[in-house]
Protein backbone atom coordinates (compact mmCIF):
# COMPACT_ATOMS: atom_id res chain seq x y z
CA UNK A 1 0.00 0.00 0.00
CA UNK A 2 0.98 3.64 -0.38
CA UNK A 3 1.80 5.30 2.94
CA UNK A 4 -1.17 7.43 4.06
CA UNK A 5 -0.49 10.95 5.24
CA UNK A 6 -0.86 9.94 8.89
CA UNK A 7 1.42 6.88 8.75
CA UNK A 8 4.47 6.68 10.99
CA UNK A 9 7.36 8.46 9.37
CA UNK A 10 5.14 10.33 6.91
CA UNK A 11 6.47 13.64 5.55
CA UNK A 12 6.19 16.58 7.90
CA UNK A 13 6.12 14.57 11.15
CA UNK A 14 8.70 14.86 13.88
CA UNK A 15 10.96 11.94 14.73
CA UNK A 16 12.70 9.44 12.53
CA UNK A 17 11.59 7.92 9.23
CA UNK A 18 11.30 8.81 5.59
CA UNK A 19 10.60 12.51 5.25
CA UNK A 20 10.20 12.90 1.47
CA UNK A 21 10.29 10.99 -1.80
CA UNK A 22 11.47 13.22 -4.66
CA UNK A 23 11.71 12.05 -8.30
CA UNK A 24 14.61 13.30 -10.40
CA UNK A 25 14.06 13.42 -14.16
CA UNK A 26 16.30 13.80 -17.19
CA UNK A 27 15.50 14.36 -20.85
CA UNK A 28 16.81 11.37 -22.80
CA UNK A 29 16.80 10.56 -26.50
CA UNK A 30 13.10 9.64 -26.38
CA UNK A 31 12.10 12.34 -23.90
CA UNK A 32 11.90 13.01 -20.21
CA UNK A 33 11.69 10.23 -17.64
CA UNK A 34 12.42 9.54 -14.00
CA UNK A 35 16.04 8.40 -13.79
CA UNK A 36 16.53 8.64 -10.01
CA UNK A 37 14.68 9.09 -6.74
CA UNK A 38 15.90 11.04 -3.72
CA UNK A 39 14.62 9.68 -0.40
CA UNK A 40 15.02 12.14 2.45
CA UNK A 41 15.51 10.99 6.06
CA UNK A 42 15.46 12.92 9.31
CA UNK A 43 19.23 12.91 9.79
CA UNK A 44 22.49 11.89 8.15
CA UNK A 45 22.30 8.35 6.75
CA UNK A 46 24.95 5.68 7.26
CA UNK A 47 25.87 4.71 3.67
CA UNK A 48 27.70 1.54 4.71
CA UNK A 49 24.38 -0.24 5.25
CA UNK A 50 22.97 0.64 1.85
CA UNK A 51 22.88 -1.57 -1.22
CA UNK A 52 20.84 -1.83 -4.41
CA UNK A 53 18.48 -4.29 -2.73
CA UNK A 54 17.71 -1.95 0.16
CA UNK A 55 14.97 -0.43 -2.01
CA UNK A 56 12.48 -1.36 -4.69
CA UNK A 57 11.32 1.37 -7.07
CA UNK A 58 8.33 0.94 -9.36
CA UNK A 59 6.90 3.32 -11.91
CA UNK A 60 4.23 3.76 -14.57
CA UNK A 61 4.72 1.77 -17.77
CA UNK A 62 2.83 4.38 -19.76
CA UNK A 63 4.56 5.49 -22.95
CA UNK A 64 2.71 7.67 -25.45
CA UNK A 65 5.16 6.70 -28.19
CA UNK A 66 3.92 3.11 -28.35
CA UNK A 67 1.01 1.89 -30.41
CA UNK A 68 -1.97 1.21 -28.11
CA UNK A 69 -1.11 -1.69 -25.83
CA UNK A 70 -3.20 -2.34 -22.75
CA UNK A 71 -0.29 -2.31 -20.30
CA UNK A 72 1.15 0.88 -21.76
CA UNK A 73 -1.90 3.13 -22.08
CA UNK A 74 -2.95 3.22 -18.41
CA UNK A 75 -0.66 5.56 -16.43
CA UNK A 76 -1.45 3.74 -13.17
CA UNK A 77 -0.03 0.38 -14.33
CA UNK A 78 3.45 0.03 -12.92
CA UNK A 79 6.45 -2.29 -12.93
CA UNK A 80 9.72 -2.41 -11.02
CA UNK A 81 12.64 -0.36 -12.28
CA UNK A 82 16.25 -1.55 -12.38
CA UNK A 83 18.33 0.14 -9.67
CA UNK A 84 21.87 0.91 -10.84
CA UNK A 85 23.34 2.82 -7.88
CA UNK A 86 22.49 3.80 -4.30
CA UNK A 87 24.42 6.44 -2.36
CA UNK A 88 23.96 9.29 0.11
CA UNK A 89 24.15 13.00 -0.59
CA UNK A 90 23.59 16.31 1.19
CA UNK A 91 21.03 17.41 -1.43
CA UNK A 92 18.50 15.72 -3.73
CA UNK A 93 21.04 15.66 -6.55
CA UNK A 94 23.03 13.19 -8.61
CA UNK A 95 26.75 12.59 -8.15
CA UNK A 96 28.78 11.78 -11.25
CA UNK A 97 31.04 9.38 -9.33
CA UNK A 98 28.03 7.69 -7.65
CA UNK A 99 29.90 7.74 -4.33
CA UNK A 100 28.36 8.71 -1.02
CA UNK A 101 28.79 12.13 0.55
CA UNK A 102 27.54 12.75 4.09
CA UNK A 103 23.88 13.71 3.99
CA UNK A 104 20.31 12.83 4.83
CA UNK A 105 19.31 12.02 1.24
CA UNK A 106 19.62 8.57 -0.30
CA UNK A 107 19.90 8.79 -4.09
CA UNK A 108 18.54 5.77 -5.96
CA UNK A 109 19.65 5.84 -9.60
CA UNK A 110 17.62 3.90 -12.18
CA UNK A 111 18.43 2.35 -15.55
CA UNK A 112 17.43 5.08 -18.05
CA UNK A 113 16.46 2.52 -20.69
CA UNK A 114 14.10 0.62 -18.39
CA UNK A 115 10.45 0.58 -19.36
CA UNK A 116 8.61 2.99 -17.11
CA UNK A 117 9.04 6.42 -15.63
CA UNK A 118 8.10 8.51 -18.66
CA UNK A 119 6.73 11.91 -17.67
CA UNK A 120 4.97 12.89 -20.93
CA UNK A 121 1.48 11.68 -21.80
CA UNK A 122 -1.02 12.15 -24.60
CA UNK A 123 -3.52 15.00 -24.27
CA UNK A 124 -5.88 14.66 -27.21
CA UNK A 125 -3.82 15.40 -30.32
CA UNK A 126 -1.14 16.98 -28.15
CA UNK A 127 1.08 15.84 -25.29
CA UNK A 128 1.73 17.25 -21.83
CA UNK A 129 3.96 16.61 -18.83
CA UNK A 130 2.28 14.34 -16.26
CA UNK A 131 1.55 16.16 -13.01
CA UNK A 132 0.84 13.01 -10.95
CA UNK A 133 3.92 10.83 -11.27
CA UNK A 134 3.34 7.19 -10.31
CA UNK A 135 6.84 6.63 -8.89
CA UNK A 136 6.74 4.46 -5.77
CA UNK A 137 9.50 3.44 -3.34
CA UNK A 138 9.59 0.49 -0.94
CA UNK A 139 12.37 0.55 1.64
CA UNK A 140 12.76 -3.19 2.19
CA UNK A 141 15.72 -3.10 4.59
CA UNK A 142 16.41 -0.88 7.57
CA UNK A 143 18.16 2.43 7.03
CA UNK A 144 20.35 3.69 9.84
CA UNK A 145 21.84 6.99 10.94
CA UNK A 146 25.55 7.51 11.31
CA UNK A 147 26.75 5.94 14.58
CA UNK A 148 27.82 8.46 17.20
CA UNK A 149 31.08 6.66 17.94
CA UNK A 150 31.88 5.89 14.31
CA UNK A 151 31.17 2.17 14.79
CA UNK A 152 28.17 -0.06 14.29
CA UNK A 153 24.95 0.72 12.45
CA UNK A 154 23.78 3.82 14.27
CA UNK A 155 20.16 4.41 15.28
CA UNK A 156 17.48 3.11 12.95
CA UNK A 157 15.98 5.91 10.88
CA UNK A 158 13.37 3.70 9.23
CA UNK A 159 12.84 -0.06 9.59
CA UNK A 160 12.49 -2.32 6.59
CA UNK A 161 8.92 -2.55 5.33
CA UNK A 162 6.67 -3.60 2.46
CA UNK A 163 4.97 -0.20 2.50
CA UNK A 164 4.92 1.74 -0.78
CA UNK A 165 5.68 5.42 -0.51
CA UNK A 166 4.57 7.79 -3.21
CA UNK A 167 5.96 11.11 -4.37
CA UNK A 168 5.78 13.86 -1.73
CA UNK A 169 7.41 16.78 -3.56
CA UNK A 170 7.49 17.99 -7.17
CA UNK A 171 10.06 16.37 -9.40
CA UNK A 172 13.49 17.90 -9.88
CA UNK A 173 13.72 18.17 -13.66
CA UNK A 174 17.38 18.36 -14.59
CA UNK A 175 18.07 21.04 -17.24
CA UNK A 176 14.37 21.42 -18.09
CA UNK A 177 13.92 23.41 -14.86
CA UNK A 178 16.79 25.68 -15.91
CA UNK A 179 14.90 27.00 -18.94
CA UNK A 180 13.06 30.31 -18.68
CA UNK A 181 9.40 29.96 -19.70
CA UNK A 182 7.70 33.04 -21.14
CA UNK A 183 4.97 34.17 -23.55
CA UNK A 184 5.06 36.38 -26.62
CA UNK A 185 2.10 38.07 -28.28
CA UNK A 186 2.63 38.79 -31.98
CA UNK A 187 1.58 41.92 -33.84
CA UNK A 188 -1.57 40.13 -35.00
CA UNK A 189 -2.44 39.09 -31.44
CA UNK A 190 -1.30 35.47 -31.62
CA UNK A 191 -0.04 34.02 -28.35
CA UNK A 192 3.25 32.14 -28.60
CA UNK A 193 4.64 30.52 -25.44
CA UNK A 194 8.38 29.88 -25.58
CA UNK A 195 11.29 28.70 -23.50
CA UNK A 196 14.92 29.71 -23.65
CA UNK A 197 18.19 28.79 -22.01
CA UNK A 198 21.29 30.95 -21.75
CA UNK A 199 24.69 29.30 -21.25
CA UNK A 200 26.13 29.13 -17.75
CA UNK A 201 28.15 32.29 -17.22
CA UNK A 202 26.32 34.10 -20.03
CA UNK A 203 28.20 37.31 -20.86
CA UNK A 204 26.29 39.92 -22.89
CA UNK A 205 29.64 41.24 -24.14
CA UNK A 206 30.18 37.97 -26.03
CA UNK A 207 28.33 36.54 -29.01
CA UNK A 208 26.78 33.08 -28.86
CA UNK A 209 25.37 30.73 -31.50
CA UNK A 210 21.61 30.28 -31.26
CA UNK A 211 19.71 27.05 -31.95
CA UNK A 212 15.96 27.43 -32.49
CA UNK A 213 14.04 24.23 -31.67
CA UNK A 214 10.87 23.65 -33.71
CA UNK A 215 8.98 20.72 -32.11
CA UNK A 216 6.47 18.22 -33.41
CA UNK A 217 2.74 18.80 -33.80
CA UNK A 218 1.81 17.28 -30.45
CA UNK A 219 4.24 19.56 -28.64
CA UNK A 220 2.40 22.64 -29.91
CA UNK A 221 0.57 24.75 -27.32
CA UNK A 222 -3.01 23.65 -26.63
CA UNK A 223 -3.80 25.91 -23.69
CA UNK A 224 -2.71 23.55 -20.90
CA UNK A 225 0.60 21.96 -21.91
CA UNK A 226 2.99 24.89 -21.71
CA UNK A 227 6.66 23.89 -21.69
CA UNK A 228 6.26 20.33 -22.97
CA UNK A 229 8.39 21.17 -26.04
CA UNK A 230 11.43 21.12 -23.73
CA UNK A 231 10.59 17.82 -22.03
CA UNK A 232 9.06 15.67 -24.77
CA UNK A 233 12.17 15.25 -26.95
CA UNK A 234 15.94 15.66 -26.61
CA UNK A 235 16.68 18.63 -28.96
CA UNK A 236 16.08 21.51 -26.51
CA UNK A 237 18.23 20.25 -23.63
CA UNK A 238 20.97 18.49 -25.63
CA UNK A 239 22.73 21.74 -26.55
CA UNK A 240 23.59 22.38 -22.90
CA UNK A 241 25.44 19.06 -22.54
CA UNK A 242 28.84 18.17 -23.93
CA UNK A 243 27.92 14.47 -23.75
CA UNK A 244 25.39 15.17 -26.52
CA UNK A 245 27.12 17.86 -28.58
CA UNK A 246 30.70 16.63 -28.28
CA UNK A 247 31.87 20.22 -27.88
CA UNK A 248 32.46 22.62 -25.02
CA UNK A 249 31.04 25.51 -27.01
CA UNK A 250 28.23 27.30 -25.19
CA UNK A 251 24.97 27.77 -27.05
CA UNK A 252 21.76 29.74 -26.56
CA UNK A 253 18.59 27.71 -27.10
CA UNK A 254 15.18 29.14 -28.05
CA UNK A 255 12.21 26.76 -28.12
CA UNK A 256 8.97 28.34 -29.41
CA UNK A 257 5.73 26.47 -28.75
CA UNK A 258 3.45 27.60 -31.56
CA UNK A 259 -0.24 26.95 -31.32
CA UNK A 260 -1.19 24.53 -34.10
CA UNK A 261 -3.63 27.02 -35.58
CA UNK A 262 -3.47 28.22 -39.16
CA UNK A 263 -1.00 27.32 -41.87
CA UNK A 264 2.68 26.51 -41.32
CA UNK A 265 3.44 29.85 -43.06
CA UNK A 266 1.35 31.73 -40.48
CA UNK A 267 2.98 29.88 -37.60
CA UNK A 268 6.44 30.47 -39.06
CA UNK A 269 5.73 34.19 -39.37
CA UNK A 270 4.91 34.44 -35.64
CA UNK A 271 7.98 32.38 -34.79
CA UNK A 272 10.19 34.72 -36.85
CA UNK A 273 8.70 37.73 -35.05
CA UNK A 274 9.68 36.16 -31.73
CA UNK A 275 13.12 35.26 -33.07
CA UNK A 276 13.82 38.83 -34.18
CA UNK A 277 12.72 40.15 -30.78
CA UNK A 278 14.88 37.58 -29.00
CA UNK A 279 17.93 38.47 -31.10
CA UNK A 280 17.48 42.13 -30.19
CA UNK A 281 17.48 41.31 -26.46
CA UNK A 282 20.27 38.74 -26.18
CA UNK A 283 23.83 38.50 -27.41
CA UNK A 284 23.36 36.27 -30.45
CA UNK A 285 25.93 35.78 -33.18
CA UNK A 286 23.75 36.64 -36.17
CA UNK A 287 26.05 34.68 -38.47
CA UNK A 288 25.34 31.51 -36.48
CA UNK A 289 21.58 31.09 -36.14
CA UNK A 290 20.37 27.52 -36.63
CA UNK A 291 17.18 25.52 -36.43
CA UNK A 292 16.56 21.93 -35.44
CA UNK A 293 13.17 20.37 -36.04
CA UNK A 294 11.09 17.36 -35.04
CA UNK A 295 8.36 16.08 -37.37
CA UNK A 296 5.80 18.88 -37.98
CA UNK A 297 8.38 21.50 -36.96
CA UNK A 298 9.96 20.91 -40.36
CA UNK A 299 7.03 22.69 -42.03
CA UNK A 300 7.87 25.87 -40.12
CA UNK A 301 11.53 25.49 -41.05
CA UNK A 302 10.81 25.02 -44.77
CA UNK A 303 8.55 28.09 -44.65
CA UNK A 304 11.14 30.23 -42.84
CA UNK A 305 13.94 29.12 -45.15
CA UNK A 306 11.92 30.28 -48.16
CA UNK A 307 10.27 33.41 -46.76
CA UNK A 308 13.46 34.66 -45.08
CA UNK A 309 16.43 33.26 -47.06
CA UNK A 310 19.64 33.57 -45.11
CA UNK A 311 17.96 33.98 -41.72
CA UNK A 312 19.14 30.50 -40.69
CA UNK A 313 22.76 29.54 -41.25
CA UNK A 314 22.03 25.82 -40.99
CA UNK A 315 19.07 23.48 -40.51
CA UNK A 316 18.72 20.03 -39.02
CA UNK A 317 15.46 18.41 -40.17
CA UNK A 318 14.62 15.18 -38.31
CA UNK A 319 11.69 12.94 -39.26
CA UNK A 320 10.10 15.82 -41.14
CA UNK A 321 7.60 16.57 -43.84
CA UNK A 322 8.74 16.97 -47.42
CA UNK A 323 10.03 20.23 -48.89
CA UNK A 324 8.26 21.21 -52.10
CA UNK A 325 10.08 21.74 -55.40
CA UNK A 326 9.63 25.51 -55.00
CA UNK A 327 10.96 25.46 -51.44
CA UNK A 328 13.93 23.35 -52.53
CA UNK A 329 14.76 25.81 -55.31
CA UNK A 330 14.67 28.79 -52.92
CA UNK A 331 16.83 26.97 -50.37
CA UNK A 332 19.39 26.14 -53.06
CA UNK A 333 19.41 29.73 -54.29
CA UNK A 334 20.16 30.94 -50.76
CA UNK A 335 22.85 28.31 -50.20
CA UNK A 336 21.44 27.37 -46.77
CA UNK A 337 23.07 24.14 -45.52
CA UNK A 338 20.56 21.44 -44.54
CA UNK A 339 21.01 17.99 -42.98
CA UNK A 340 17.94 15.76 -43.25
CA UNK A 341 17.48 12.58 -41.19
CA UNK A 342 14.64 10.07 -41.30
CA UNK A 343 13.75 6.59 -40.14
CA UNK A 344 13.36 3.92 -42.80
CA UNK A 345 10.45 2.46 -40.86
CA UNK A 346 8.74 5.76 -40.03
CA UNK A 347 5.08 4.79 -39.57
CA UNK A 348 3.73 8.36 -39.74
CA UNK A 349 5.71 10.03 -42.53
CA UNK A 350 6.74 7.76 -45.37
CA UNK A 351 10.47 8.09 -45.84
CA UNK A 352 10.30 8.03 -49.66
CA UNK A 353 7.88 10.94 -50.00
CA UNK A 354 9.33 13.04 -47.17
CA UNK A 355 12.97 12.60 -46.13
CA UNK A 356 14.27 11.16 -49.38
CA UNK A 357 12.17 13.50 -51.51
CA UNK A 358 13.37 16.61 -49.63
CA UNK A 359 17.00 15.60 -50.02
CA UNK A 360 16.66 14.77 -53.70
CA UNK A 361 14.81 17.99 -54.52
CA UNK A 362 17.35 20.22 -52.78
CA UNK A 363 20.32 18.29 -54.20
CA UNK A 364 18.87 18.47 -57.72
CA UNK A 365 18.19 22.18 -57.27
CA UNK A 366 21.88 22.73 -56.50
CA UNK A 367 22.89 20.74 -59.57
CA UNK A 368 20.49 22.84 -61.67
CA UNK A 369 22.30 25.95 -60.41
CA UNK A 370 25.61 24.56 -61.68
CA UNK A 371 26.98 23.13 -58.45
CA UNK A 372 29.12 20.02 -58.74
CA UNK A 373 27.99 16.82 -56.97
CA UNK A 374 30.70 17.39 -54.36
CA UNK A 375 29.53 20.96 -53.76
CA UNK A 376 25.92 19.79 -53.50
CA UNK A 377 26.90 17.05 -51.07
CA UNK A 378 28.51 19.66 -48.81
CA UNK A 379 25.34 21.78 -48.72
CA UNK A 380 22.64 19.15 -48.30
CA UNK A 381 23.18 15.92 -46.38
CA UNK A 382 20.97 12.94 -45.68
CA UNK A 383 21.02 10.14 -43.09
CA UNK A 384 18.46 7.33 -42.96
CA UNK A 385 18.14 5.15 -39.86
CA UNK A 386 17.22 1.48 -39.90
CA UNK A 387 14.85 0.18 -37.22
CA UNK A 388 17.82 -1.08 -35.21
CA UNK A 389 18.90 2.53 -34.55
CA UNK A 390 15.86 3.13 -32.31
CA UNK A 391 16.04 1.70 -28.79
CA UNK A 392 12.32 2.39 -28.39
CA UNK A 393 9.93 1.27 -31.16
CA UNK A 394 9.07 4.77 -32.36
CA UNK A 395 10.71 4.94 -35.78
CA UNK A 396 9.14 8.33 -36.40
CA UNK A 397 11.33 10.08 -33.83
CA UNK A 398 14.44 10.36 -35.99
CA UNK A 399 15.66 13.01 -33.55
CA UNK A 400 16.59 10.21 -31.13
CA UNK A 401 19.33 8.53 -33.22
CA UNK A 402 20.23 11.88 -34.82
CA UNK A 403 21.08 13.47 -31.49
CA UNK A 404 23.03 10.40 -30.45
CA UNK A 405 25.44 11.22 -33.32
CA UNK A 406 27.70 14.05 -32.12
CA UNK A 407 29.10 14.58 -35.61
CA UNK A 408 25.74 15.84 -36.85
CA UNK A 409 25.38 18.34 -33.99
CA UNK A 410 28.94 19.56 -34.48
CA UNK A 411 28.23 19.93 -38.22
CA UNK A 412 25.31 22.23 -37.46
CA UNK A 413 27.41 24.44 -35.19
CA UNK A 414 30.15 24.61 -37.82
CA UNK A 415 27.92 26.29 -40.41
């Protein structure tokens, strides 16, 4: 059972016991999920008594990326997660070395590729971040305080139990919580929520490259899902992490969340208004403005590349819609570098009529302008991913394997 609010050791009571259960999330290749839990006790925990079998952690199996399967469409259906590390800390935070520091928090790290723990769920034709996380912790073995004389177990902080304890505080969302979430109203009155992230140590006297993230259709704003464009997929948060980009270069990220109202041209126009305002307020290198898209976001990119040639210095189109012949010709005339990626088994957007067609049209447009094959190959690139490149069975999310390839991200920043 889940510990009721009046149970011994429940949060907010005096005395010993578990004080709080706090999920910690990260945005992975296929989106945000719980990758650790911080369990808070009333005093400093003795780490010598802890092991991976001290706790059991279970979580919701729900995953909006799967085709409807009974066990995966009910957020309350849970399964045990795989615990990879257990250590103490003085804050509800991860330690890179996974070694204990003195503190009253026990950090339970979880296998990020386990089923379960996803924080994003379907909301009609859109998606949103789940408010009621189903993460549960069972402390199966006793947890002790540090002994006063430096020997033995120390006093028992909480005895072993079969009692499930649910989340008691909001999740700590690594990197996603560091974004600034705001709203812009365009000249025609259209509301455009957006998020942005400035590099650590941002210096307005310096110039920074800017990556504009254009998310998929379901990540568009529907009135109640603000900010999901940062959490649902990897592109927004990846640029703040060297483990994804393969470079120490610091980047500004802007993630508009257009309402999915009107044509892609109309949405792109509002996005460009916001972009111009953002550039005027922050120290952006205007020779290094890029876009990276997921699915439907490609339609805004194709529109912007044709209506404002030269605005973007490079584009990364993942799992996108097809560029028209006219759009391809305009892109070639402007010389805008584009890298297109797509999944061979994409079940939503057929690879032949979208990814392959876009590449072929742009490449042929360069040839028609007199470029050599080598010159064309330098300006438009294409990568197609077999099913084996996707560790979750969503072959539409080409952003997942794309962002796992540091060479593609470094290529974008080099334009």
